[in-house]
C-alpha atoms as a PDB file:
ATOM      1  CA  MET A   1      93.523  68.317  81.395  1.00  0.00           C
ATOM      2  CA  SER A   2      96.065  68.378  84.430  1.00  0.00           C
ATOM      3  CA  LYS A   3      96.534  70.721  87.315  1.00  0.00           C
ATOM      4  CA  ARG A   4      99.810  72.570  86.801  1.00  0.00           C
ATOM      5  CA  ARG A   5     102.002  72.492  90.127  1.00  0.00           C
ATOM      6  CA  ALA A   6     103.670  75.323  91.049  1.00  0.00           C
ATOM      7  CA  SER A   7     107.988  75.091  91.241  1.00  0.00           C
ATOM      8  CA  GLY A   8     109.604  73.742  94.039  1.00  0.00           C
ATOM      9  CA  GLU A   9     105.867  71.295  94.816  1.00  0.00           C
ATOM     10  CA  GLY A  10     107.493  68.600  92.397  1.00  0.00           C
ATOM     11  CA  SER A  11     105.315  66.595  89.480  1.00  0.00           C
ATOM     12  CA  ILE A  12     102.507  63.799  90.989  1.00  0.00           C
ATOM     13  CA  ARG A  13     102.026  61.229  87.517  1.00  0.00           C
ATOM     14  CA  LYS A  14     100.262  57.880  87.447  1.00  0.00           C
ATOM     15  CA  ARG A  15     102.498  54.735  86.405  1.00  0.00           C
ATOM     16  CA  PRO A  16     102.160  51.729  83.957  1.00  0.00           C
ATOM     17  CA  ASP A  17     101.293  49.634  87.560  1.00  0.00           C
ATOM     18  CA  GLY A  18      98.430  51.624  88.106  1.00  0.00           C
ATOM     19  CA  ARG A  19     100.720  53.249  91.543  1.00  0.00           C
ATOM     20  CA  TRP A  20     101.258  56.860  91.435  1.00  0.00           C
ATOM     21  CA  GLU A  21     104.282  58.547  91.633  1.00  0.00           C
ATOM     22  CA  GLY A  22     105.532  62.297  93.505  1.00  0.00           C
ATOM     23  CA  ARG A  23     108.619  62.916  92.129  1.00  0.00           C
ATOM     24  CA  TYR A  24     111.028  66.575  93.551  1.00  0.00           C
ATOM     25  CA  VAL A  25     114.441  68.203  94.008  1.00  0.00           C
ATOM     26  CA  ALA A  26     115.980  67.050  97.355  1.00  0.00           C
ATOM     27  CA  GLY A  27     119.527  68.967  97.189  1.00  0.00           C
ATOM     28  CA  HIS A  28     122.265  69.774  94.390  1.00  0.00           C
ATOM     29  CA  ASP A  29     125.236  67.795  94.975  1.00  0.00           C
ATOM     30  CA  GLU A  30     128.734  69.529  94.450  1.00  0.00           C
ATOM     31  CA  SER A  31     128.642  70.347  90.560  1.00  0.00           C
ATOM     32  CA  GLY A  32     124.535  71.910  91.268  1.00  0.00           C
ATOM     33  CA  LYS A  33     123.247  69.077  89.537  1.00  0.00           C
ATOM     34  CA  ALA A  34     119.633  67.903  90.620  1.00  0.00           C
ATOM     35  CA  ILE A  35     119.486  64.972  93.151  1.00  0.00           C
ATOM     36  CA  ARG A  36     115.617  63.629  92.498  1.00  0.00           C
ATOM     37  CA  ARG A  37     113.769  61.622  94.676  1.00  0.00           C
ATOM     38  CA  ASN A  38     110.324  59.966  94.224  1.00  0.00           C
ATOM     39  CA  VAL A  39     107.514  58.687  96.572  1.00  0.00           C
ATOM     40  CA  LEU A  40     104.762  56.103  95.577  1.00  0.00           C
ATOM     41  CA  GLY A  41     101.057  55.831  96.628  1.00  0.00           C
ATOM     42  CA  LYS A  42      98.232  53.550  95.610  1.00  0.00           C
ATOM     43  CA  THR A  43      96.583  57.274  95.577  1.00  0.00           C
ATOM     44  CA  GLN A  44      96.794  60.375  94.491  1.00  0.00           C
ATOM     45  CA  ALA A  45      95.652  61.806  97.515  1.00  0.00           C
ATOM     46  CA  GLU A  46      98.658  59.708  99.508  1.00  0.00           C
ATOM     47  CA  VAL A  47     101.260  60.535  97.617  1.00  0.00           C
ATOM     48  CA  LYS A  48     100.043  64.474  97.143  1.00  0.00           C
ATOM     49  CA  GLU A  49     100.842  64.336 101.198  1.00  0.00           C
ATOM     50  CA  LYS A  50     103.809  61.936 101.253  1.00  0.00           C
ATOM     51  CA  LEU A  51     105.737  64.628  98.547  1.00  0.00           C
ATOM     52  CA  ARG A  52     104.588  67.614 100.514  1.00  0.00           C
ATOM     53  CA  GLN A  53     106.553  66.228 103.718  1.00  0.00           C
ATOM     54  CA  ALA A  54     109.372  64.726 101.797  1.00  0.00           C
ATOM     55  CA  ILE A  55     109.849  68.096 100.332  1.00  0.00           C
ATOM     56  CA  GLU A  56     109.678  69.666 104.100  1.00  0.00           C
ATOM     57  CA  SER A  57     112.160  67.394 105.051  1.00  0.00           C
ATOM     58  CA  ALA A  58     114.320  68.073 102.066  1.00  0.00           C
ATOM     59  CA  GLN A  59     114.292  71.533 102.637  1.00  0.00           C
ATOM     60  CA  GLY A  60     113.916  71.783 106.261  1.00  0.00           C
ATOM     61  CA  LEU A  61     117.513  72.502 107.857  1.00  0.00           C
ATOM     62  CA  ASP A  62     119.867  70.213 110.261  1.00  0.00           C
ATOM     63  CA  VAL A  63     118.625  72.359 113.594  1.00  0.00           C
ATOM     64  CA  GLY A  64     121.383  70.230 114.803  1.00  0.00           C
ATOM     65  CA  LYS A  65     123.808  71.966 112.826  1.00  0.00           C
ATOM     66  CA  ALA A  66     121.709  75.513 112.292  1.00  0.00           C
ATOM     67  CA  ASP A  67     122.872  76.297 115.651  1.00  0.00           C
ATOM     68  CA  ASP A  68     126.448  75.759 114.384  1.00  0.00           C
ATOM     69  CA  TYR A  69     126.004  78.694 111.800  1.00  0.00           C
ATOM     70  CA  THR A  70     126.411  82.424 111.978  1.00  0.00           C
ATOM     71  CA  VAL A  71     124.793  83.771 108.305  1.00  0.00           C
ATOM     72  CA  GLY A  72     128.867  84.578 107.955  1.00  0.00           C
ATOM     73  CA  ARG A  73     129.831  81.279 108.579  1.00  0.00           C
ATOM     74  CA  TRP A  74     126.795  79.918 105.740  1.00  0.00           C
ATOM     75  CA  VAL A  75     127.575  82.179 103.257  1.00  0.00           C
ATOM     76  CA  GLU A  76     131.393  81.222 102.783  1.00  0.00           C
ATOM     77  CA  THR A  77     129.620  77.405 102.272  1.00  0.00           C
ATOM     78  CA  TRP A  78     127.512  78.574  99.921  1.00  0.00           C
ATOM     79  CA  TYR A  79     129.849  81.335  97.863  1.00  0.00           C
ATOM     80  CA  GLU A  80     132.730  78.510  97.568  1.00  0.00           C
ATOM     81  CA  LEU A  81     130.324  75.181  96.765  1.00  0.00           C
ATOM     82  CA  TYR A  82     127.007  76.091  95.007  1.00  0.00           C
ATOM     83  CA  SER A  83     127.370  79.902  93.647  1.00  0.00           C
ATOM     84  CA  ARG A  84     131.400  80.294  92.669  1.00  0.00           C
ATOM     85  CA  PRO A  85     131.649  76.994  90.846  1.00  0.00           C
ATOM     86  CA  ASN A  86     128.531  77.890  88.485  1.00  0.00           C
ATOM     87  CA  ILE A  87     128.787  81.619  87.563  1.00  0.00           C
ATOM     88  CA  ARG A  88     131.218  83.840  85.202  1.00  0.00           C
ATOM     89  CA  GLU A  89     134.717  85.288  86.866  1.00  0.00           C
ATOM     90  CA  SER A  90     133.471  89.038  86.706  1.00  0.00           C
ATOM     91  CA  THR A  91     130.015  88.120  89.002  1.00  0.00           C
ATOM     92  CA  GLN A  92     132.911  86.348  91.219  1.00  0.00           C
ATOM     93  CA  ARG A  93     133.977  89.335  91.610  1.00  0.00           C
ATOM     94  CA  TYR A  94     131.028  90.844  91.894  1.00  0.00           C
ATOM     95  CA  TYR A  95     129.203  88.395  94.938  1.00  0.00           C
ATOM     96  CA  ARG A  96     132.897  88.249  96.612  1.00  0.00           C
ATOM     97  CA  ARG A  97     132.777  92.431  97.343  1.00  0.00           C
ATOM     98  CA  PHE A  98     129.433  92.179  97.994  1.00  0.00           C
ATOM     99  CA  ILE A  99     129.968  89.734 101.138  1.00  0.00           C
ATOM    100  CA  ASP A 100     133.069  91.538 102.341  1.00  0.00           C
ATOM    101  CA  ARG A 101     131.975  94.355 101.930  1.00  0.00           C
ATOM    102  CA  HIS A 102     128.500  94.353 102.868  1.00  0.00           C
ATOM    103  CA  ILE A 103     126.981  91.233 104.620  1.00  0.00           C
ATOM    104  CA  LEU A 104     129.899  89.889 106.767  1.00  0.00           C
ATOM    105  CA  PRO A 105     129.855  93.312 108.627  1.00  0.00           C
ATOM    106  CA  MET A 106     126.582  94.004 108.889  1.00  0.00           C
ATOM    107  CA  LEU A 107     125.619  90.001 109.495  1.00  0.00           C
ATOM    108  CA  GLY A 108     128.474  87.487 109.644  1.00  0.00           C
ATOM    109  CA  ASP A 109     128.440  87.243 113.354  1.00  0.00           C
ATOM    110  CA  THR A 110     124.630  86.435 113.871  1.00  0.00           C
ATOM    111  CA  LYS A 111     123.832  82.808 114.682  1.00  0.00           C
ATOM    112  CA  LEU A 112     121.638  81.692 111.269  1.00  0.00           C
ATOM    113  CA  THR A 113     118.533  80.303 113.770  1.00  0.00           C
ATOM    114  CA  LYS A 114     117.787  84.187 115.126  1.00  0.00           C
ATOM    115  CA  LEU A 115     118.413  85.762 111.665  1.00  0.00           C
ATOM    116  CA  THR A 116     115.091  87.359 111.353  1.00  0.00           C
ATOM    117  CA  GLY A 117     113.960  89.319 107.875  1.00  0.00           C
ATOM    118  CA  ARG A 118     114.069  92.718 110.077  1.00  0.00           C
ATOM    119  CA  GLN A 119     117.939  92.620 109.660  1.00  0.00           C
ATOM    120  CA  ILE A 120     117.907  91.511 106.438  1.00  0.00           C
ATOM    121  CA  GLN A 121     116.176  94.274 105.360  1.00  0.00           C
ATOM    122  CA  LYS A 122     118.455  96.865 107.485  1.00  0.00           C
ATOM    123  CA  MET A 123     121.249  95.985 105.912  1.00  0.00           C
ATOM    124  CA  LEU A 124     119.730  96.193 102.408  1.00  0.00           C
ATOM    125  CA  ASN A 125     118.364  99.406 103.553  1.00  0.00           C
ATOM    126  CA  GLU A 126     121.854 100.672 104.161  1.00  0.00           C
ATOM    127  CA  VAL A 127     123.506  99.184 101.104  1.00  0.00           C
ATOM    128  CA  ARG A 128     120.438 101.124  99.652  1.00  0.00           C
ATOM    129  CA  GLU A 129     122.388 104.317 100.832  1.00  0.00           C
ATOM    130  CA  HIS A 130     125.758 103.586 101.449  1.00  0.00           C
ATOM    131  CA  GLY A 131     126.601 101.442  99.096  1.00  0.00           C
ATOM    132  CA  LYS A 132     129.512 102.908  97.605  1.00  0.00           C
ATOM    133  CA  ARG A 133     130.919 102.919 100.947  1.00  0.00           C
ATOM    134  CA  GLN A 134     133.292 101.264 102.822  1.00  0.00           C
ATOM    135  CA  ARG A 135     133.127 100.213 106.051  1.00  0.00           C
ATOM    136  CA  ASN A 136     134.929 103.073 107.821  1.00  0.00           C
ATOM    137  CA  GLY A 137     132.652 105.300 105.549  1.00  0.00           C
ATOM    138  CA  HIS A 138     134.875 106.840 103.659  1.00  0.00           C
ATOM    139  CA  LEU A 139     134.538 106.231  99.672  1.00  0.00           C
ATOM    140  CA  SER A 140     137.350 104.444  98.165  1.00  0.00           C
ATOM    141  CA  GLU A 141     139.912 105.511  95.627  1.00  0.00           C
ATOM    142  CA  THR A 142     137.814 103.884  92.690  1.00  0.00           C
ATOM    143  CA  ASP A 143     134.210 104.661  93.709  1.00  0.00           C
ATOM    144  CA  GLU A 144     135.121 108.104  93.783  1.00  0.00           C
ATOM    145  CA  ILE A 145     136.368 107.887  90.374  1.00  0.00           C
ATOM    146  CA  CYS A 146     133.214 106.085  88.855  1.00  0.00           C
ATOM    147  CA  GLU A 147     131.279 109.133  91.546  1.00  0.00           C
ATOM    148  CA  ASN A 148     133.411 112.293  89.592  1.00  0.00           C
ATOM    149  CA  GLY A 149     131.528 110.614  85.753  1.00  0.00           C
ATOM    150  CA  SER A 150     135.766 109.473  84.540  1.00  0.00           C
ATOM    151  CA  ASN A 151     136.042 105.687  83.994  1.00  0.00           C
END
């Protein structure tokens, strides 16, 4: 029985011609469809190593472009190109509101290459504590209605 590989590690199989093939998802196109690639080798170990390297290079951020991106710019790009076309209208509104109220004010100007886990955790903690508050610290009219139990 073959061993199961973890999600994101690709797949390895022996082809009818005797060579080994490793397949992986290199990314997604504009419509969200997976872009699949493969590597070939004479031995399973060779393909395993090639597959690991290929997945790393496919997931790696282009260092030249990474310096240009701020968290805000990347979130906007992600939302418009990858997320928005594939989600319901109500989810779009929820994501847009979360981006505008929390991510952009707290992390938007941070360079993507300088973003740390600590900054993300701090943002999440603040959202948990003050999630219904707007940037100026006051409750919005709809938030007050929801807190009072109306609606």
